Amino acid sequence: MGIPQPAFYIFKCEQSAPPGMPKPSCVTPDTQDLFQYTAQKLMQEGIMMTAPIVRTSCMNRCSSGPVMLVEPGHTMYVGLNKEKIDRIITEHIIGGNVVEEYVIDSELWDEAISPTDMRKQMGK
């Protein structure tokens, strides 16, 4: 038997804006520990290898941050804090049920667009 693939990938935005930037940021002094908190929680639950957390740069949903994307499923969770992360791990990652009340509004996270269609929109 080979090494199993992860069942989930958790992508956590770790972008921080410089002080004085007008746009919000996913990492602030109040939220800078959420990546480490999530990693520790996954380790405590014994699921880090099947649901690894990955640091990302900006996912362009700054006004809804802190954000994290769970794959498969393109599930974008917003306004994260430790309590929300606990529920997401318990209910979604372990239990298999999306925590709908923490999911980004569809106006900010519409259907995916293919690279070909994006190029057309950009006049390429």
PDB file of N, CA and C in Angstrom:
ATOM      1  N   MET A   1       0.844  -1.182   0.000  1.00  0.00           N
ATOM      2  CA  MET A   1       0.000   0.000   0.000  1.00  0.00           C
ATOM      3  C   MET A   1       0.888   1.243   0.000  1.00  0.00           C
ATOM      4  N   GLY A   2       0.537   2.221  -0.824  1.00  0.00           N
ATOM      5  CA  GLY A   2       1.304   3.453  -0.915  1.00  0.00           C
ATOM      6  C   GLY A   2       0.864   4.473   0.125  1.00  0.00           C
ATOM      7  N   ILE A   3       1.427   5.634   0.042  1.00  0.00           N
ATOM      8  CA  ILE A   3       1.052   6.727   0.934  1.00  0.00           C
ATOM      9  C   ILE A   3      -0.284   7.280   0.463  1.00  0.00           C
ATOM     10  N   PRO A   4      -1.303   7.333   1.340  1.00  0.00           N
ATOM     11  CA  PRO A   4      -2.616   7.806   0.914  1.00  0.00           C
ATOM     12  C   PRO A   4      -2.626   9.307   0.635  1.00  0.00           C
ATOM     13  N   GLN A   5      -3.500   9.681  -0.294  1.00  0.00           N
ATOM     14  CA  GLN A   5      -3.707  11.095  -0.596  1.00  0.00           C
ATOM     15  C   GLN A   5      -4.524  11.741   0.514  1.00  0.00           C
ATOM     16  N   PRO A   6      -4.343  13.050   0.740  1.00  0.00           N
ATOM     17  CA  PRO A   6      -5.215  13.735   1.688  1.00  0.00           C
ATOM     18  C   PRO A   6      -6.658  13.754   1.183  1.00  0.00           C
ATOM     19  N   ALA A   7      -7.603  13.728   2.104  1.00  0.00           N
ATOM     20  CA  ALA A   7      -9.018  13.846   1.753  1.00  0.00           C
ATOM     21  C   ALA A   7      -9.388  15.306   1.529  1.00  0.00           C
ATOM     22  N   PHE A   8      -8.701  16.208   2.225  1.00  0.00           N
ATOM     23  CA  PHE A   8      -8.957  17.645   2.132  1.00  0.00           C
ATOM     24  C   PHE A   8      -7.634  18.392   2.069  1.00  0.00           C
ATOM     25  N   TYR A   9      -7.687  19.574   1.499  1.00  0.00           N
ATOM     26  CA  TYR A   9      -6.619  20.560   1.631  1.00  0.00           C
ATOM     27  C   TYR A   9      -7.272  21.817   2.170  1.00  0.00           C
ATOM     28  N   ILE A  10      -6.650  22.415   3.169  1.00  0.00           N
ATOM     29  CA  ILE A  10      -7.163  23.632   3.776  1.00  0.00           C
ATOM     30  C   ILE A  10      -6.179  24.747   3.455  1.00  0.00           C
ATOM     31  N   PHE A  11      -6.623  25.709   2.660  1.00  0.00           N
ATOM     32  CA  PHE A  11      -5.779  26.824   2.251  1.00  0.00           C
ATOM     33  C   PHE A  11      -6.147  28.049   3.090  1.00  0.00           C
ATOM     34  N   LYS A  12      -5.223  28.514   3.910  1.00  0.00           N
ATOM     35  CA  LYS A  12      -5.468  29.643   4.808  1.00  0.00           C
ATOM     36  C   LYS A  12      -4.723  30.863   4.294  1.00  0.00           C
ATOM     37  N   CYS A  13      -5.466  31.935   4.007  1.00  0.00           N
ATOM     38  CA  CYS A  13      -4.838  33.180   3.574  1.00  0.00           C
ATOM     39  C   CYS A  13      -3.971  33.721   4.702  1.00  0.00           C
ATOM     40  N   GLU A  14      -2.735  34.034   4.375  1.00  0.00           N
ATOM     41  CA  GLU A  14      -1.797  34.576   5.349  1.00  0.00           C
ATOM     42  C   GLU A  14      -1.289  35.952   4.919  1.00  0.00           C
ATOM     43  N   GLN A  15      -2.059  36.631   4.080  1.00  0.00           N
ATOM     44  CA  GLN A  15      -1.665  37.953   3.594  1.00  0.00           C
ATOM     45  C   GLN A  15      -1.897  39.008   4.664  1.00  0.00           C
ATOM     46  N   SER A  16      -0.911  39.843   4.863  1.00  0.00           N
ATOM     47  CA  SER A  16      -1.076  40.968   5.786  1.00  0.00           C
ATOM     48  C   SER A  16      -0.749  42.252   5.043  1.00  0.00           C
ATOM     49  N   ALA A  17      -1.549  43.261   5.282  1.00  0.00           N
ATOM     50  CA  ALA A  17      -1.331  44.561   4.659  1.00  0.00           C
ATOM     51  C   ALA A  17      -0.459  45.417   5.571  1.00  0.00           C
ATOM     52  N   PRO A  18       0.353  46.271   4.982  1.00  0.00           N
ATOM     53  CA  PRO A  18       1.156  47.162   5.821  1.00  0.00           C
ATOM     54  C   PRO A  18       0.258  48.101   6.626  1.00  0.00           C
ATOM     55  N   PRO A  19       0.717  48.562   7.766  1.00  0.00           N
ATOM     56  CA  PRO A  19      -0.080  49.511   8.558  1.00  0.00           C
ATOM     57  C   PRO A  19      -0.468  50.718   7.704  1.00  0.00           C
ATOM     58  N   GLY A  20      -1.705  51.142   7.842  1.00  0.00           N
ATOM     59  CA  GLY A  20      -2.196  52.293   7.096  1.00  0.00           C
ATOM     60  C   GLY A  20      -2.799  51.965   5.754  1.00  0.00           C
ATOM     61  N   MET A  21      -2.700  50.714   5.313  1.00  0.00           N
ATOM     62  CA  MET A  21      -3.326  50.314   4.047  1.00  0.00           C
ATOM     63  C   MET A  21      -4.834  50.440   4.190  1.00  0.00           C
ATOM     64  N   PRO A  22      -5.509  50.969   3.170  1.00  0.00           N
ATOM     65  CA  PRO A  22      -6.955  51.147   3.295  1.00  0.00           C
ATOM     66  C   PRO A  22      -7.751  49.842   3.210  1.00  0.00           C
ATOM     67  N   LYS A  23      -7.209  48.822   2.551  1.00  0.00           N
ATOM     68  CA  LYS A  23      -7.994  47.585   2.441  1.00  0.00           C
ATOM     69  C   LYS A  23      -7.735  46.679   3.637  1.00  0.00           C
ATOM     70  N   PRO A  24      -8.741  45.892   4.021  1.00  0.00           N
ATOM     71  CA  PRO A  24      -8.567  44.966   5.148  1.00  0.00           C
ATOM     72  C   PRO A  24      -7.547  43.875   4.826  1.00  0.00           C
ATOM     73  N   SER A  25      -7.188  43.128   5.837  1.00  0.00           N
ATOM     74  CA  SER A  25      -6.171  42.101   5.697  1.00  0.00           C
ATOM     75  C   SER A  25      -6.597  40.851   6.459  1.00  0.00           C
ATOM     76  N   CYS A  26      -6.222  39.682   5.957  1.00  0.00           N
ATOM     77  CA  CYS A  26      -6.555  38.432   6.640  1.00  0.00           C
ATOM     78  C   CYS A  26      -5.689  38.188   7.871  1.00  0.00           C
ATOM     79  N   VAL A  27      -4.535  38.819   7.930  1.00  0.00           N
ATOM     80  CA  VAL A  27      -3.666  38.648   9.088  1.00  0.00           C
ATOM     81  C   VAL A  27      -3.459  40.007   9.745  1.00  0.00           C
ATOM     82  N   THR A  28      -3.921  40.095  10.973  1.00  0.00           N
ATOM     83  CA  THR A  28      -3.766  41.289  11.795  1.00  0.00           C
ATOM     84  C   THR A  28      -3.185  40.843  13.137  1.00  0.00           C
ATOM     85  N   PRO A  29      -2.830  41.763  13.996  1.00  0.00           N
ATOM     86  CA  PRO A  29      -2.361  41.325  15.318  1.00  0.00           C
ATOM     87  C   PRO A  29      -3.379  40.433  16.043  1.00  0.00           C
ATOM     88  N   ASP A  30      -4.668  40.664  15.801  1.00  0.00           N
ATOM     89  CA  ASP A  30      -5.700  39.844  16.456  1.00  0.00           C
ATOM     90  C   ASP A  30      -5.891  38.467  15.827  1.00  0.00           C
ATOM     91  N   THR A  31      -5.452  38.289  14.572  1.00  0.00           N
ATOM     92  CA  THR A  31      -5.714  37.021  13.869  1.00  0.00           C
ATOM     93  C   THR A  31      -4.447  36.291  13.447  1.00  0.00           C
ATOM     94  N   GLN A  32      -3.282  36.800  13.815  1.00  0.00           N
ATOM     95  CA  GLN A  32      -2.028  36.219  13.335  1.00  0.00           C
ATOM     96  C   GLN A  32      -1.778  34.801  13.829  1.00  0.00           C
ATOM     97  N   ASP A  33      -2.481  34.373  14.859  1.00  0.00           N
ATOM     98  CA  ASP A  33      -2.257  33.027  15.396  1.00  0.00           C
ATOM     99  C   ASP A  33      -3.213  31.973  14.833  1.00  0.00           C
ATOM    100  N   LEU A  34      -4.101  32.338  13.907  1.00  0.00           N
ATOM    101  CA  LEU A  34      -5.106  31.383  13.424  1.00  0.00           C
ATOM    102  C   LEU A  34      -4.512  30.236  12.608  1.00  0.00           C
ATOM    103  N   PHE A  35      -3.465  30.490  11.834  1.00  0.00           N
ATOM    104  CA  PHE A  35      -2.834  29.401  11.080  1.00  0.00           C
ATOM    105  C   PHE A  35      -2.277  28.358  12.046  1.00  0.00           C
ATOM    106  N   GLN A  36      -1.503  28.822  13.017  1.00  0.00           N
ATOM    107  CA  GLN A  36      -0.904  27.902  13.995  1.00  0.00           C
ATOM    108  C   GLN A  36      -1.980  27.192  14.806  1.00  0.00           C
ATOM    109  N   TYR A  37      -3.021  27.913  15.178  1.00  0.00           N
ATOM    110  CA  TYR A  37      -4.119  27.323  15.940  1.00  0.00           C
ATOM    111  C   TYR A  37      -4.766  26.190  15.128  1.00  0.00           C
ATOM    112  N   THR A  38      -5.025  26.439  13.841  1.00  0.00           N
ATOM    113  CA  THR A  38      -5.644  25.427  12.982  1.00  0.00           C
ATOM    114  C   THR A  38      -4.742  24.203  12.851  1.00  0.00           C
ATOM    115  N   ALA A  39      -3.456  24.431  12.635  1.00  0.00           N
ATOM    116  CA  ALA A  39      -2.511  23.315  12.511  1.00  0.00           C
ATOM    117  C   ALA A  39      -2.483  22.478  13.794  1.00  0.00           C
ATOM    118  N   GLN A  40      -2.441  23.133  14.933  1.00  0.00           N
ATOM    119  CA  GLN A  40      -2.427  22.405  16.206  1.00  0.00           C
ATOM    120  C   GLN A  40      -3.721  21.618  16.407  1.00  0.00           C
ATOM    121  N   LYS A  41      -4.841  22.207  16.050  1.00  0.00           N
ATOM    122  CA  LYS A  41      -6.132  21.527  16.187  1.00  0.00           C
ATOM    123  C   LYS A  41      -6.174  20.279  15.291  1.00  0.00           C
ATOM    124  N   LEU A  42      -5.695  20.400  14.056  1.00  0.00           N
ATOM    125  CA  LEU A  42      -5.654  19.252  13.149  1.00  0.00           C
ATOM    126  C   LEU A  42      -4.747  18.159  13.708  1.00  0.00           C
ATOM    127  N   MET A  43      -3.617  18.537  14.303  1.00  0.00           N
ATOM    128  CA  MET A  43      -2.711  17.556  14.914  1.00  0.00           C
ATOM    129  C   MET A  43      -3.364  16.890  16.119  1.00  0.00           C
ATOM    130  N   GLN A  44      -4.031  17.677  16.964  1.00  0.00           N
ATOM    131  CA  GLN A  44      -4.713  17.119  18.140  1.00  0.00           C
ATOM    132  C   GLN A  44      -5.780  16.109  17.743  1.00  0.00           C
ATOM    133  N   GLU A  45      -6.458  16.380  16.644  1.00  0.00           N
ATOM    134  CA  GLU A  45      -7.505  15.473  16.162  1.00  0.00           C
ATOM    135  C   GLU A  45      -6.923  14.268  15.426  1.00  0.00           C
ATOM    136  N   GLY A  46      -5.616  14.289  15.142  1.00  0.00           N
ATOM    137  CA  GLY A  46      -4.963  13.184  14.451  1.00  0.00           C
ATOM    138  C   GLY A  46      -5.258  13.133  12.960  1.00  0.00           C
ATOM    139  N   ILE A  47      -5.548  14.293  12.364  1.00  0.00           N
ATOM    140  CA  ILE A  47      -5.943  14.308  10.946  1.00  0.00           C
ATOM    141  C   ILE A  47      -5.075  15.218  10.076  1.00  0.00           C
ATOM    142  N   MET A  48      -3.956  15.669  10.577  1.00  0.00           N
ATOM    143  CA  MET A  48      -3.107  16.582   9.812  1.00  0.00           C
ATOM    144  C   MET A  48      -2.669  15.978   8.475  1.00  0.00           C
ATOM    145  N   MET A  49      -2.421  14.693   8.431  1.00  0.00           N
ATOM    146  CA  MET A  49      -1.955  14.069   7.179  1.00  0.00           C
ATOM    147  C   MET A  49      -3.070  13.915   6.153  1.00  0.00           C
ATOM    148  N   THR A  50      -4.316  13.851   6.591  1.00  0.00           N
ATOM    149  CA  THR A  50      -5.418  13.707   5.644  1.00  0.00           C
ATOM    150  C   THR A  50      -6.137  15.032   5.386  1.00  0.00           C
ATOM    151  N   ALA A  51      -5.753  16.071   6.133  1.00  0.00           N
ATOM    152  CA  ALA A  51      -6.326  17.404   5.932  1.00  0.00           C
ATOM    153  C   ALA A  51      -5.269  18.456   6.245  1.00  0.00           C
ATOM    154  N   PRO A  52      -4.205  18.512   5.426  1.00  0.00           N
ATOM    155  CA  PRO A  52      -3.131  19.469   5.718  1.00  0.00           C
ATOM    156  C   PRO A  52      -3.575  20.909   5.490  1.00  0.00           C
ATOM    157  N   ILE A  53      -3.018  21.806   6.286  1.00  0.00           N
ATOM    158  CA  ILE A  53      -3.264  23.239   6.114  1.00  0.00           C
ATOM    159  C   ILE A  53      -2.084  23.833   5.352  1.00  0.00           C
ATOM    160  N   VAL A  54      -2.396  24.697   4.382  1.00  0.00           N
ATOM    161  CA  VAL A  54      -1.398  25.283   3.492  1.00  0.00           C
ATOM    162  C   VAL A  54      -1.501  26.804   3.576  1.00  0.00           C
ATOM    163  N   ARG A  55      -0.368  27.476   3.783  1.00  0.00           N
ATOM    164  CA  ARG A  55      -0.354  28.947   3.779  1.00  0.00           C
ATOM    165  C   ARG A  55      -0.498  29.444   2.338  1.00  0.00           C
ATOM    166  N   THR A  56      -1.350  30.453   2.154  1.00  0.00           N
ATOM    167  CA  THR A  56      -1.459  31.073   0.838  1.00  0.00           C
ATOM    168  C   THR A  56      -1.284  32.578   0.984  1.00  0.00           C
ATOM    169  N   SER A  57      -1.045  33.220  -0.149  1.00  0.00           N
ATOM    170  CA  SER A  57      -1.094  34.673  -0.161  1.00  0.00           C
ATOM    171  C   SER A  57      -2.543  35.079  -0.431  1.00  0.00           C
ATOM    172  N   CYS A  58      -2.760  36.281  -0.869  1.00  0.00           N
ATOM    173  CA  CYS A  58      -4.099  36.851  -0.991  1.00  0.00           C
ATOM    174  C   CYS A  58      -5.009  36.026  -1.906  1.00  0.00           C
ATOM    175  N   MET A  59      -6.225  35.790  -1.442  1.00  0.00           N
ATOM    176  CA  MET A  59      -7.251  35.102  -2.231  1.00  0.00           C
ATOM    177  C   MET A  59      -8.330  36.082  -2.707  1.00  0.00           C
ATOM    178  N   ASN A  60      -8.036  37.372  -2.601  1.00  0.00           N
ATOM    179  CA  ASN A  60      -8.902  38.432  -3.122  1.00  0.00           C
ATOM    180  C   ASN A  60     -10.293  38.482  -2.498  1.00  0.00           C
ATOM    181  N   ARG A  61     -10.386  38.143  -1.247  1.00  0.00           N
ATOM    182  CA  ARG A  61     -11.650  38.261  -0.507  1.00  0.00           C
ATOM    183  C   ARG A  61     -11.374  39.004   0.803  1.00  0.00           C
ATOM    184  N   CYS A  62     -10.558  40.052   0.694  1.00  0.00           N
ATOM    185  CA  CYS A  62     -10.038  40.785   1.851  1.00  0.00           C
ATOM    186  C   CYS A  62     -11.137  41.331   2.760  1.00  0.00           C
ATOM    187  N   SER A  63     -12.231  41.797   2.180  1.00  0.00           N
ATOM    188  CA  SER A  63     -13.292  42.394   2.990  1.00  0.00           C
ATOM    189  C   SER A  63     -14.009  41.357   3.852  1.00  0.00           C
ATOM    190  N   SER A  64     -13.791  40.074   3.561  1.00  0.00           N
ATOM    191  CA  SER A  64     -14.445  39.003   4.309  1.00  0.00           C
ATOM    192  C   SER A  64     -13.491  38.263   5.239  1.00  0.00           C
ATOM    193  N   GLY A  65     -12.253  38.706   5.311  1.00  0.00           N
ATOM    194  CA  GLY A  65     -11.224  37.976   6.034  1.00  0.00           C
ATOM    195  C   GLY A  65     -11.352  38.022   7.538  1.00  0.00           C
ATOM    196  N   PRO A  66     -10.602  37.144   8.165  1.00  0.00           N
ATOM    197  CA  PRO A  66      -9.722  36.106   7.640  1.00  0.00           C
ATOM    198  C   PRO A  66     -10.515  35.002   6.923  1.00  0.00           C
ATOM    199  N   VAL A  67      -9.910  34.473   5.857  1.00  0.00           N
ATOM    200  CA  VAL A  67     -10.586  33.456   5.049  1.00  0.00           C
ATOM    201  C   VAL A  67      -9.738  32.201   4.935  1.00  0.00           C
ATOM    202  N   MET A  68     -10.437  31.081   4.639  1.00  0.00           N
ATOM    203  CA  MET A  68      -9.754  29.841   4.290  1.00  0.00           C
ATOM    204  C   MET A  68     -10.619  29.073   3.314  1.00  0.00           C
ATOM    205  N   LEU A  69      -9.961  28.386   2.409  1.00  0.00           N
ATOM    206  CA  LEU A  69     -10.616  27.623   1.363  1.00  0.00           C
ATOM    207  C   LEU A  69     -10.399  26.143   1.635  1.00  0.00           C
ATOM    208  N   VAL A  70     -11.486  25.378   1.635  1.00  0.00           N
ATOM    209  CA  VAL A  70     -11.404  23.934   1.839  1.00  0.00           C
ATOM    210  C   VAL A  70     -11.688  23.247   0.506  1.00  0.00           C
ATOM    211  N   GLU A  71     -10.756  22.400   0.102  1.00  0.00           N
ATOM    212  CA  GLU A  71     -10.895  21.598  -1.112  1.00  0.00           C
ATOM    213  C   GLU A  71     -10.868  20.128  -0.733  1.00  0.00           C
ATOM    214  N   PRO A  72     -11.635  19.279  -1.403  1.00  0.00           N
ATOM    215  CA  PRO A  72     -12.499  19.606  -2.534  1.00  0.00           C
ATOM    216  C   PRO A  72     -13.758  20.325  -2.092  1.00  0.00           C
ATOM    217  N   GLY A  73     -14.400  20.927  -3.077  1.00  0.00           N
ATOM    218  CA  GLY A  73     -15.682  21.575  -2.851  1.00  0.00           C
ATOM    219  C   GLY A  73     -15.679  23.075  -3.016  1.00  0.00           C
ATOM    220  N   HIS A  74     -14.491  23.687  -3.141  1.00  0.00           N
ATOM    221  CA  HIS A  74     -14.394  25.155  -3.271  1.00  0.00           C
ATOM    222  C   HIS A  74     -15.148  25.862  -2.150  1.00  0.00           C
ATOM    223  N   THR A  75     -15.069  25.383  -0.929  1.00  0.00           N
ATOM    224  CA  THR A  75     -15.796  25.985   0.187  1.00  0.00           C
ATOM    225  C   THR A  75     -14.932  27.064   0.832  1.00  0.00           C
ATOM    226  N   MET A  76     -15.364  28.313   0.697  1.00  0.00           N
ATOM    227  CA  MET A  76     -14.648  29.459   1.262  1.00  0.00           C
ATOM    228  C   MET A  76     -15.319  29.862   2.573  1.00  0.00           C
ATOM    229  N   TYR A  77     -14.558  29.748   3.662  1.00  0.00           N
ATOM    230  CA  TYR A  77     -15.037  30.169   4.974  1.00  0.00           C
ATOM    231  C   TYR A  77     -14.481  31.559   5.284  1.00  0.00           C
ATOM    232  N   VAL A  78     -15.316  32.407   5.898  1.00  0.00           N
ATOM    233  CA  VAL A  78     -14.944  33.806   6.118  1.00  0.00           C
ATOM    234  C   VAL A  78     -15.129  34.221   7.576  1.00  0.00           C
ATOM    235  N   GLY A  79     -14.514  35.357   7.902  1.00  0.00           N
ATOM    236  CA  GLY A  79     -14.654  35.915   9.239  1.00  0.00           C
ATOM    237  C   GLY A  79     -14.175  34.972  10.321  1.00  0.00           C
ATOM    238  N   LEU A  80     -13.070  34.294  10.045  1.00  0.00           N
ATOM    239  CA  LEU A  80     -12.615  33.224  10.932  1.00  0.00           C
ATOM    240  C   LEU A  80     -12.185  33.710  12.305  1.00  0.00           C
ATOM    241  N   ASN A  81     -12.441  32.859  13.285  1.00  0.00           N
ATOM    242  CA  ASN A  81     -11.896  32.982  14.633  1.00  0.00           C
ATOM    243  C   ASN A  81     -11.716  31.546  15.141  1.00  0.00           C
ATOM    244  N   LYS A  82     -11.205  31.379  16.330  1.00  0.00           N
ATOM    245  CA  LYS A  82     -10.907  30.034  16.841  1.00  0.00           C
ATOM    246  C   LYS A  82     -12.160  29.181  16.994  1.00  0.00           C
ATOM    247  N   GLU A  83     -13.253  29.775  17.441  1.00  0.00           N
ATOM    248  CA  GLU A  83     -14.499  29.014  17.606  1.00  0.00           C
ATOM    249  C   GLU A  83     -15.015  28.512  16.257  1.00  0.00           C
ATOM    250  N   LYS A  84     -14.944  29.353  15.229  1.00  0.00           N
ATOM    251  CA  LYS A  84     -15.387  28.939  13.896  1.00  0.00           C
ATOM    252  C   LYS A  84     -14.485  27.825  13.356  1.00  0.00           C
ATOM    253  N   ILE A  85     -13.192  27.974  13.552  1.00  0.00           N
ATOM    254  CA  ILE A  85     -12.255  26.946  13.092  1.00  0.00           C
ATOM    255  C   ILE A  85     -12.554  25.610  13.772  1.00  0.00           C
ATOM    256  N   ASP A  86     -12.831  25.634  15.056  1.00  0.00           N
ATOM    257  CA  ASP A  86     -13.188  24.396  15.766  1.00  0.00           C
ATOM    258  C   ASP A  86     -14.392  23.723  15.117  1.00  0.00           C
ATOM    259  N   ARG A  87     -15.432  24.499  14.838  1.00  0.00           N
ATOM    260  CA  ARG A  87     -16.646  23.929  14.214  1.00  0.00           C
ATOM    261  C   ARG A  87     -16.372  23.430  12.807  1.00  0.00           C
ATOM    262  N   ILE A  88     -15.583  24.179  12.033  1.00  0.00           N
ATOM    263  CA  ILE A  88     -15.267  23.760  10.660  1.00  0.00           C
ATOM    264  C   ILE A  88     -14.523  22.424  10.676  1.00  0.00           C
ATOM    265  N   ILE A  89     -13.562  22.273  11.567  1.00  0.00           N
ATOM    266  CA  ILE A  89     -12.820  21.009  11.653  1.00  0.00           C
ATOM    267  C   ILE A  89     -13.745  19.881  12.094  1.00  0.00           C
ATOM    268  N   THR A  90     -14.535  20.119  13.128  1.00  0.00           N
ATOM    269  CA  THR A  90     -15.414  19.066  13.650  1.00  0.00           C
ATOM    270  C   THR A  90     -16.520  18.700  12.670  1.00  0.00           C
ATOM    271  N   GLU A  91     -17.213  19.700  12.156  1.00  0.00           N
ATOM    272  CA  GLU A  91     -18.395  19.432  11.336  1.00  0.00           C
ATOM    273  C   GLU A  91     -18.089  19.170   9.867  1.00  0.00           C
ATOM    274  N   HIS A  92     -17.135  19.923   9.279  1.00  0.00           N
ATOM    275  CA  HIS A  92     -16.853  19.755   7.853  1.00  0.00           C
ATOM    276  C   HIS A  92     -15.748  18.727   7.615  1.00  0.00           C
ATOM    277  N   ILE A  93     -14.587  18.963   8.195  1.00  0.00           N
ATOM    278  CA  ILE A  93     -13.442  18.100   7.906  1.00  0.00           C
ATOM    279  C   ILE A  93     -13.658  16.691   8.471  1.00  0.00           C
ATOM    280  N   ILE A  94     -14.096  16.582   9.708  1.00  0.00           N
ATOM    281  CA  ILE A  94     -14.318  15.262  10.307  1.00  0.00           C
ATOM    282  C   ILE A  94     -15.711  14.735   9.965  1.00  0.00           C
ATOM    283  N   GLY A  95     -16.728  15.584  10.091  1.00  0.00           N
ATOM    284  CA  GLY A  95     -18.111  15.134   9.919  1.00  0.00           C
ATOM    285  C   GLY A  95     -18.634  15.125   8.500  1.00  0.00           C
ATOM    286  N   GLY A  96     -17.968  15.846   7.587  1.00  0.00           N
ATOM    287  CA  GLY A  96     -18.389  15.847   6.192  1.00  0.00           C
ATOM    288  C   GLY A  96     -19.514  16.813   5.851  1.00  0.00           C
ATOM    289  N   ASN A  97     -19.863  17.708   6.782  1.00  0.00           N
ATOM    290  CA  ASN A  97     -20.956  18.656   6.542  1.00  0.00           C
ATOM    291  C   ASN A  97     -20.433  20.087   6.539  1.00  0.00           C
ATOM    292  N   VAL A  98     -20.672  20.803   5.441  1.00  0.00           N
ATOM    293  CA  VAL A  98     -20.253  22.197   5.336  1.00  0.00           C
ATOM    294  C   VAL A  98     -20.968  23.007   6.418  1.00  0.00           C
ATOM    295  N   VAL A  99     -20.244  23.923   7.054  1.00  0.00           N
ATOM    296  CA  VAL A  99     -20.821  24.810   8.068  1.00  0.00           C
ATOM    297  C   VAL A  99     -21.323  26.046   7.326  1.00  0.00           C
ATOM    298  N   GLU A 100     -22.557  25.960   6.853  1.00  0.00           N
ATOM    299  CA  GLU A 100     -23.117  26.952   5.927  1.00  0.00           C
ATOM    300  C   GLU A 100     -23.064  28.380   6.443  1.00  0.00           C
ATOM    301  N   GLU A 101     -23.285  28.590   7.747  1.00  0.00           N
ATOM    302  CA  GLU A 101     -23.336  29.968   8.239  1.00  0.00           C
ATOM    303  C   GLU A 101     -21.993  30.683   8.200  1.00  0.00           C
ATOM    304  N   TYR A 102     -20.898  29.957   7.952  1.00  0.00           N
ATOM    305  CA  TYR A 102     -19.575  30.578   7.856  1.00  0.00           C
ATOM    306  C   TYR A 102     -19.082  30.676   6.409  1.00  0.00           C
ATOM    307  N   VAL A 103     -19.886  30.223   5.460  1.00  0.00           N
ATOM    308  CA  VAL A 103     -19.497  30.220   4.049  1.00  0.00           C
ATOM    309  C   VAL A 103     -19.708  31.608   3.453  1.00  0.00           C
ATOM    310  N   ILE A 104     -18.779  32.013   2.608  1.00  0.00           N
ATOM    311  CA  ILE A 104     -18.841  33.315   1.948  1.00  0.00           C
ATOM    312  C   ILE A 104     -20.133  33.449   1.147  1.00  0.00           C
ATOM    313  N   ASP A 105     -20.660  34.662   1.089  1.00  0.00           N
ATOM    314  CA  ASP A 105     -21.868  34.950   0.325  1.00  0.00           C
ATOM    315  C   ASP A 105     -21.612  34.697  -1.164  1.00  0.00           C
ATOM    316  N   SER A 106     -22.604  34.149  -1.843  1.00  0.00           N
ATOM    317  CA  SER A 106     -22.430  33.786  -3.257  1.00  0.00           C
ATOM    318  C   SER A 106     -22.140  34.991  -4.145  1.00  0.00           C
ATOM    319  N   GLU A 107     -22.519  36.183  -3.731  1.00  0.00           N
ATOM    320  CA  GLU A 107     -22.179  37.376  -4.523  1.00  0.00           C
ATOM    321  C   GLU A 107     -20.675  37.645  -4.520  1.00  0.00           C
ATOM    322  N   LEU A 108     -19.992  37.165  -3.500  1.00  0.00           N
ATOM    323  CA  LEU A 108     -18.547  37.351  -3.412  1.00  0.00           C
ATOM    324  C   LEU A 108     -17.764  36.112  -3.846  1.00  0.00           C
ATOM    325  N   TRP A 109     -18.473  35.015  -4.131  1.00  0.00           N
ATOM    326  CA  TRP A 109     -17.822  33.736  -4.473  1.00  0.00           C
ATOM    327  C   TRP A 109     -18.735  32.981  -5.424  1.00  0.00           C
ATOM    328  N   ASP A 110     -18.812  33.478  -6.645  1.00  0.00           N
ATOM    329  CA  ASP A 110     -19.701  32.889  -7.642  1.00  0.00           C
ATOM    330  C   ASP A 110     -19.049  31.647  -8.247  1.00  0.00           C
ATOM    331  N   GLU A 111     -19.695  31.079  -9.242  1.00  0.00           N
ATOM    332  CA  GLU A 111     -19.166  29.884  -9.910  1.00  0.00           C
ATOM    333  C   GLU A 111     -17.776  30.152 -10.485  1.00  0.00           C
ATOM    334  N   ALA A 112     -16.976  29.115 -10.564  1.00  0.00           N
ATOM    335  CA  ALA A 112     -15.626  29.221 -11.126  1.00  0.00           C
ATOM    336  C   ALA A 112     -15.688  29.609 -12.592  1.00  0.00           C
ATOM    337  N   ILE A 113     -14.667  30.292 -13.059  1.00  0.00           N
ATOM    338  CA  ILE A 113     -14.561  30.661 -14.468  1.00  0.00           C
ATOM    339  C   ILE A 113     -13.313  29.989 -15.036  1.00  0.00           C
ATOM    340  N   SER A 114     -13.464  29.411 -16.203  1.00  0.00           N
ATOM    341  CA  SER A 114     -12.330  28.710 -16.815  1.00  0.00           C
ATOM    342  C   SER A 114     -11.281  29.718 -17.277  1.00  0.00           C
ATOM    343  N   PRO A 115     -10.027  29.286 -17.365  1.00  0.00           N
ATOM    344  CA  PRO A 115      -8.997  30.182 -17.889  1.00  0.00           C
ATOM    345  C   PRO A 115      -9.326  30.683 -19.305  1.00  0.00           C
ATOM    346  N   THR A 116      -9.905  29.826 -20.127  1.00  0.00           N
ATOM    347  CA  THR A 116     -10.276  30.238 -21.484  1.00  0.00           C
ATOM    348  C   THR A 116     -11.300  31.360 -21.451  1.00  0.00           C
ATOM    349  N   ASP A 117     -12.339  31.208 -20.625  1.00  0.00           N
ATOM    350  CA  ASP A 117     -13.360  32.256 -20.523  1.00  0.00           C
ATOM    351  C   ASP A 117     -12.802  33.540 -19.906  1.00  0.00           C
ATOM    352  N   MET A 118     -11.909  33.407 -18.945  1.00  0.00           N
ATOM    353  CA  MET A 118     -11.294  34.585 -18.346  1.00  0.00           C
ATOM    354  C   MET A 118     -10.486  35.344 -19.382  1.00  0.00           C
ATOM    355  N   ARG A 119      -9.744  34.628 -20.201  1.00  0.00           N
ATOM    356  CA  ARG A 119      -8.962  35.274 -21.261  1.00  0.00           C
ATOM    357  C   ARG A 119      -9.879  36.026 -22.227  1.00  0.00           C
ATOM    358  N   LYS A 120     -11.021  35.429 -22.555  1.00  0.00           N
ATOM    359  CA  LYS A 120     -11.985  36.112 -23.426  1.00  0.00           C
ATOM    360  C   LYS A 120     -12.470  37.391 -22.791  1.00  0.00           C
ATOM    361  N   GLN A 121     -12.798  37.336 -21.498  1.00  0.00           N
ATOM    362  CA  GLN A 121     -13.259  38.539 -20.798  1.00  0.00           C
ATOM    363  C   GLN A 121     -12.195  39.628 -20.790  1.00  0.00           C
ATOM    364  N   MET A 122     -10.945  39.227 -20.774  1.00  0.00           N
ATOM    365  CA  MET A 122      -9.840  40.175 -20.737  1.00  0.00           C
ATOM    366  C   MET A 122      -9.421  40.624 -22.141  1.00  0.00           C
ATOM    367  N   GLY A 123     -10.148  40.150 -23.174  1.00  0.00           N
ATOM    368  CA  GLY A 123      -9.847  40.557 -24.545  1.00  0.00           C
ATOM    369  C   GLY A 123      -8.646  39.870 -25.130  1.00  0.00           C
ATOM    370  N   LYS A 124      -8.309  38.710 -24.662  1.00  0.00           N
ATOM    371  CA  LYS A 124      -7.133  37.960 -25.165  1.00  0.00           C
ATOM    372  C   LYS A 124      -7.565  36.915 -26.163  1.00  0.00           C
TER     373      LYS A 124
END
